[in-house]
Amino acid sequence: MGLFTTLFGGSLGFAAQAYSNSIRKVPISRQPWNHLGMFILGCYAGAKYPEWEETLVNDINAMRSEKGLSPMVGSNKWIKYSLPEEEPRQIVETNETSP
């Protein structure tokens, strides 16, 4: 998913610059270094997006667990996160005999 999000972000950056030029009614290919710069910024944002999204989901689930709520519904299906580790419960066996 990293390559797809990177190229998608780069395409959005390029499209944003082309749209900016068309709104200002200048040739779309004017100042091509801006197109390259926006493509690179878009690629960076696209590459970091899955990491930011996973961090956000983990933070939300941590806040929900502090309040005693369950994790977000379906969040484990689209982002594989690790559940907070709980203390192991001790099993106590009792040998009670009835009189």
Protein backbone atom coordinates (compact mmCIF):
# COMPACT_ATOMS: atom_id res chain seq x y z
CA MET A 1 0.00 0.00 0.00
CA GLY A 2 2.99 2.28 0.43
CA LEU A 3 3.73 2.69 -3.28
CA PHE A 4 0.08 3.30 -4.12
CA THR A 5 -0.38 5.98 -1.44
CA THR A 6 2.91 7.61 -2.41
CA LEU A 7 1.98 7.89 -6.09
CA PHE A 8 -1.58 8.91 -5.25
CA GLY A 9 -0.30 11.71 -3.00
CA GLY A 10 2.13 12.82 -5.70
CA SER A 11 -0.67 12.90 -8.27
CA LEU A 12 -2.81 15.01 -5.95
CA GLY A 13 0.09 17.42 -5.43
CA PHE A 14 0.64 17.76 -9.17
CA ALA A 15 -3.10 18.21 -9.77
CA ALA A 16 -3.29 20.89 -7.08
CA GLN A 17 -0.56 22.91 -8.81
CA ALA A 18 -2.15 22.46 -12.24
CA TYR A 19 -5.53 23.53 -10.82
CA SER A 20 -3.92 26.54 -9.16
CA ASN A 21 -2.47 27.63 -12.50
CA SER A 22 -5.79 27.13 -14.29
CA ILE A 23 -7.65 29.21 -11.69
CA ARG A 24 -5.16 32.05 -12.16
CA LYS A 25 -5.63 31.68 -15.96
CA VAL A 26 -1.95 31.16 -16.65
CA PRO A 27 -0.60 28.31 -18.78
CA ILE A 28 -0.88 25.05 -16.87
CA SER A 29 2.78 24.18 -17.44
CA ARG A 30 4.08 27.54 -16.20
CA GLN A 31 6.87 27.21 -13.61
CA PRO A 32 7.27 23.44 -13.86
CA TRP A 33 9.47 23.30 -10.74
CA ASN A 34 6.33 24.08 -8.73
CA HIS A 35 4.68 21.01 -10.22
CA LEU A 36 7.71 18.92 -9.23
CA GLY A 37 7.78 20.41 -5.73
CA MET A 38 4.09 19.75 -5.16
CA PHE A 39 4.52 16.21 -6.53
CA ILE A 40 7.35 15.56 -4.05
CA LEU A 41 5.35 17.03 -1.14
CA GLY A 42 2.35 14.93 -2.16
CA CYS A 43 4.53 11.81 -2.33
CA TYR A 44 5.85 12.50 1.18
CA ALA A 45 2.35 13.05 2.58
CA GLY A 46 1.08 9.95 0.78
CA ALA A 47 3.92 7.84 2.14
CA LYS A 48 3.36 9.05 5.72
CA TYR A 49 -0.45 8.83 5.64
CA PRO A 50 -0.75 5.13 6.66
CA GLU A 51 1.60 5.76 9.58
CA TRP A 52 -0.38 8.82 10.70
CA GLU A 53 -3.65 6.91 10.40
CA GLU A 54 -2.33 3.97 12.45
CA THR A 55 -1.03 6.34 15.14
CA LEU A 56 -4.40 8.08 15.27
CA VAL A 57 -6.32 4.81 15.65
CA ASN A 58 -3.93 3.60 18.36
CA ASP A 59 -4.30 6.90 20.25
CA ILE A 60 -8.09 6.77 20.00
CA ASN A 61 -8.17 3.17 21.20
CA ALA A 62 -5.81 4.02 24.09
CA MET A 63 -8.11 6.87 25.17
CA ARG A 64 -11.13 4.57 24.87
CA SER A 65 -9.44 1.88 26.97
CA GLU A 66 -8.62 4.47 29.68
CA LYS A 67 -12.33 5.26 29.85
CA GLY A 68 -13.23 1.58 30.00
CA LEU A 69 -14.65 1.41 26.46
CA SER A 70 -13.93 -1.21 23.84
CA PRO A 71 -11.72 -0.39 20.81
CA MET A 72 -13.26 1.30 17.77
CA VAL A 73 -15.60 -1.02 15.90
CA GLY A 74 -13.87 -2.64 12.94
CA SER A 75 -10.56 -0.87 13.48
CA ASN A 76 -8.66 -4.17 13.56
CA LYS A 77 -9.94 -5.07 10.08
CA TRP A 78 -8.42 -2.11 8.24
CA ILE A 79 -5.45 -1.41 10.52
CA LYS A 80 -3.74 -4.30 12.25
CA TYR A 81 -2.90 -2.91 15.64
CA SER A 82 -1.87 -4.69 18.79
CA LEU A 83 -4.20 -4.71 21.73
CA PRO A 84 -2.80 -3.35 24.98
CA GLU A 85 -1.34 -6.13 27.03
CA GLU A 86 -3.18 -6.89 30.22
CA GLU A 87 -1.71 -8.34 33.36
CA PRO A 88 -1.99 -12.11 33.36
CA ARG A 89 -4.77 -13.34 35.57
CA GLN A 90 -3.88 -15.84 38.21
CA ILE A 91 -5.99 -18.92 38.38
CA VAL A 92 -6.63 -19.94 41.94
CA GLU A 93 -7.67 -23.52 42.51
CA THR A 94 -9.44 -24.36 45.69
CA ASN A 95 -9.85 -27.82 47.10
CA GLU A 96 -12.95 -27.52 49.14
CA THR A 97 -14.33 -30.63 50.63
CA SER A 98 -17.86 -30.71 51.89
CA PRO A 99 -18.38 -32.08 55.44
